[in-house]
Amino acid sequence: MDPLYRARARAHVGDLPPELITQWAALALTRGYDSPTLRELAGAPDDPPTLRDLLTTALDELGAPRLNDHQALWVMAHTHARAVVDGLISPEEGAELLWHIARDLGYPDQLAFFVNEATDWEYAWELDHDESRRDIVEEAGTLLATITAETLDQEPDPARLPVYWHEVDELPTTE
């Protein structure tokens, strides 16, 4: 997955804290990315709204595609799966992160394994943790091959999206 997709997705879902934005910009410059706003961002003062605005402009200048919510979540799913496969995060941490993404995407079938594993890590005492870790790494590798540009355009099933209590106008009555 293109690093610009990841940066746009992290910014979109709020996973790129303001204190890391200037570091990200400096690293991007050292890796050959360049734009006027990216240079400005690398030396920008620590003002979160300004940093976010500069980041958005820099990503636009660099040609990073704009992502909607579900596209950003799929890119984050790819990012977390890659981190599991590369050993940057533990399999159980990756499964939990993917569980949360699955919830926000309406529990797509591609993420069902991670939901089950994360739930088992939370509640199944008899779980063979070593086997589960191996399975999570293997399934994360499989997931990497399934997340493509076409996947990013898959709309979530509205019937499977979570309903949060603050979004409910009326509570059902029991009559």
Protein backbone atom coordinates (compact mmCIF):
# COMPACT_ATOMS: atom_id res chain seq x y z
CA MET A 1 0.00 0.00 0.00
CA ASP A 2 1.35 3.39 -1.00
CA PRO A 3 2.75 5.36 1.97
CA LEU A 4 0.66 8.35 0.93
CA TYR A 5 -2.50 6.25 1.24
CA ARG A 6 -1.40 5.28 4.75
CA ALA A 7 -0.62 8.85 5.73
CA ARG A 8 -3.96 10.09 4.39
CA ALA A 9 -5.80 7.26 6.17
CA ARG A 10 -3.99 7.84 9.48
CA ALA A 11 -4.78 11.54 9.31
CA HIS A 12 -8.40 10.82 8.34
CA VAL A 13 -9.08 8.47 11.25
CA GLY A 14 -7.11 10.55 13.75
CA ASP A 15 -4.29 8.02 14.12
CA LEU A 16 -1.54 10.53 13.35
CA PRO A 17 -1.11 12.60 16.53
CA PRO A 18 -0.13 16.25 16.03
CA GLU A 19 3.19 15.72 17.81
CA LEU A 20 4.19 13.19 15.12
CA ILE A 21 3.09 15.17 12.07
CA THR A 22 6.28 17.23 11.79
CA GLN A 23 8.36 14.06 12.26
CA TRP A 24 6.35 12.37 9.51
CA ALA A 25 6.98 15.36 7.20
CA ALA A 26 10.73 15.30 7.88
CA LEU A 27 10.86 11.55 7.23
CA ALA A 28 8.87 11.97 4.00
CA LEU A 29 11.40 14.57 2.82
CA THR A 30 14.31 12.20 3.55
CA ARG A 31 12.53 9.51 1.51
CA GLY A 32 12.32 11.71 -1.57
CA TYR A 33 8.85 13.21 -1.27
CA ASP A 34 8.85 16.97 -1.75
CA SER A 35 6.40 19.83 -1.94
CA PRO A 36 6.41 23.41 -0.67
CA THR A 37 3.92 22.65 2.09
CA LEU A 38 5.71 19.44 3.10
CA ARG A 39 8.88 21.49 3.69
CA GLU A 40 6.87 24.03 5.67
CA LEU A 41 5.23 21.24 7.66
CA ALA A 42 8.57 19.70 8.62
CA GLY A 43 9.48 22.89 10.48
CA ALA A 44 6.03 24.04 11.56
CA PRO A 45 5.29 25.12 15.14
CA ASP A 46 3.35 22.76 17.40
CA ASP A 47 -0.18 24.04 16.72
CA PRO A 48 -2.50 21.05 16.11
CA PRO A 49 -5.08 22.79 13.85
CA THR A 50 -2.33 24.35 11.73
CA LEU A 51 -0.46 21.05 11.53
CA ARG A 52 -3.56 19.18 10.37
CA ASP A 53 -4.31 21.83 7.73
CA LEU A 54 -0.72 21.78 6.48
CA LEU A 55 -0.74 17.98 6.40
CA THR A 56 -3.91 17.94 4.29
CA THR A 57 -2.41 20.47 1.87
CA ALA A 58 0.92 18.61 1.69
CA LEU A 59 -0.83 15.31 0.97
CA ASP A 60 -2.87 17.03 -1.76
CA GLU A 61 0.30 18.48 -3.30
CA LEU A 62 1.95 15.05 -3.21
CA GLY A 63 -1.01 13.50 -5.03
CA ALA A 64 -2.33 11.41 -2.16
CA PRO A 65 -5.88 10.35 -2.96
CA ARG A 66 -8.68 11.71 -0.81
CA LEU A 67 -10.31 8.93 1.17
CA ASN A 68 -13.77 8.65 2.65
CA ASP A 69 -14.35 6.98 6.02
CA HIS A 70 -14.61 3.38 4.83
CA GLN A 71 -11.66 3.74 2.45
CA ALA A 72 -9.51 5.12 5.27
CA LEU A 73 -10.56 2.22 7.50
CA TRP A 74 -9.61 -0.35 4.84
CA VAL A 75 -6.21 1.29 4.44
CA MET A 76 -5.80 1.14 8.22
CA ALA A 77 -6.77 -2.55 8.14
CA HIS A 78 -4.02 -3.11 5.57
CA THR A 79 -1.58 -1.10 7.70
CA HIS A 80 -2.32 -3.14 10.83
CA ALA A 81 -2.13 -6.44 8.93
CA ARG A 82 1.25 -5.38 7.51
CA ALA A 83 2.45 -4.47 11.01
CA VAL A 84 1.45 -7.94 12.27
CA VAL A 85 3.20 -9.73 9.40
CA ASP A 86 6.32 -7.59 9.81
CA GLY A 87 6.38 -8.17 13.59
CA LEU A 88 5.94 -4.48 14.42
CA ILE A 89 2.95 -5.25 16.65
CA SER A 90 1.92 -8.44 18.38
CA PRO A 91 -0.62 -10.68 16.66
CA GLU A 92 -3.07 -10.21 19.52
CA GLU A 93 -2.76 -6.41 19.31
CA GLY A 94 -3.27 -6.59 15.54
CA ALA A 95 -6.36 -8.76 15.94
CA GLU A 96 -7.83 -6.28 18.41
CA LEU A 97 -7.12 -3.30 16.14
CA LEU A 98 -8.69 -5.14 13.21
CA TRP A 99 -11.69 -6.04 15.38
CA HIS A 100 -12.37 -2.34 15.98
CA ILE A 101 -12.01 -1.57 12.29
CA ALA A 102 -14.36 -4.44 11.46
CA ARG A 103 -16.98 -2.95 13.78
CA ASP A 104 -16.76 0.42 12.05
CA LEU A 105 -16.97 -1.23 8.60
CA GLY A 106 -20.05 -3.27 9.47
CA TYR A 107 -18.20 -6.54 10.15
CA PRO A 108 -17.11 -7.44 6.61
CA ASP A 109 -16.37 -11.11 6.01
CA GLN A 110 -12.67 -10.36 5.28
CA LEU A 111 -12.19 -9.31 8.93
CA ALA A 112 -14.36 -11.95 10.63
CA PHE A 113 -11.36 -14.10 11.58
CA PHE A 114 -9.78 -11.22 13.50
CA VAL A 115 -13.02 -10.45 15.31
CA ASN A 116 -13.22 -14.08 16.42
CA GLU A 117 -9.57 -14.24 17.47
CA ALA A 118 -9.71 -10.96 19.38
CA THR A 119 -12.85 -12.12 21.14
CA ASP A 120 -11.19 -15.43 22.00
CA TRP A 121 -8.15 -13.59 23.39
CA GLU A 122 -10.52 -11.58 25.56
CA TYR A 123 -12.83 -14.33 26.75
CA ALA A 124 -11.60 -17.88 25.94
CA TRP A 125 -9.36 -19.09 28.76
CA GLU A 126 -8.56 -22.38 27.09
CA LEU A 127 -7.15 -20.67 23.97
CA ASP A 128 -3.79 -21.96 22.72
CA HIS A 129 -2.08 -18.57 22.51
CA ASP A 130 0.90 -19.75 20.47
CA GLU A 131 -1.33 -21.35 17.84
CA SER A 132 -3.56 -18.29 17.80
CA ARG A 133 -0.55 -16.00 17.23
CA ARG A 134 0.61 -18.13 14.29
CA ASP A 135 -2.91 -18.17 12.83
CA ILE A 136 -3.28 -14.40 13.16
CA VAL A 137 0.03 -13.78 11.37
CA GLU A 138 -0.95 -16.19 8.59
CA GLU A 139 -4.41 -14.65 8.18
CA ALA A 140 -2.91 -11.13 8.22
CA GLY A 141 -0.74 -12.17 5.27
CA THR A 142 -3.82 -13.41 3.44
CA LEU A 143 -5.66 -10.17 4.22
CA LEU A 144 -2.84 -8.12 2.68
CA ALA A 145 -3.49 -9.81 -0.66
CA THR A 146 -7.23 -9.09 -0.51
CA ILE A 147 -7.12 -5.36 0.20
CA THR A 148 -6.84 -3.67 -3.18
CA ALA A 149 -8.01 -0.43 -4.75
CA GLU A 150 -11.30 -2.22 -5.51
CA THR A 151 -11.68 -3.19 -1.84
CA LEU A 152 -11.33 0.45 -0.90
CA ASP A 153 -14.43 1.21 -2.93
CA GLN A 154 -16.63 -1.43 -1.30
CA GLU A 155 -19.40 0.28 0.59
CA PRO A 156 -20.21 -1.17 4.00
CA ASP A 157 -23.53 -2.94 4.45
CA PRO A 158 -25.68 -0.41 6.37
CA ALA A 159 -27.60 -3.22 8.04
CA ARG A 160 -24.37 -4.47 9.63
CA LEU A 161 -23.05 -1.12 10.85
CA PRO A 162 -23.05 -0.56 14.59
CA VAL A 163 -25.71 1.61 16.18
CA TYR A 164 -24.48 3.76 19.02
CA TRP A 165 -26.88 4.84 21.73
CA HIS A 166 -26.18 8.52 21.13
CA GLU A 167 -27.43 8.06 17.55
CA VAL A 168 -30.78 6.58 18.55
CA ASP A 169 -33.62 9.11 18.67
CA GLU A 170 -36.02 6.84 20.50
CA LEU A 171 -35.50 3.74 22.52
CA PRO A 172 -37.77 0.85 21.64
CA THR A 173 -40.65 0.24 24.01
CA THR A 174 -41.75 -3.13 25.26
CA GLU A 175 -45.47 -3.41 24.93
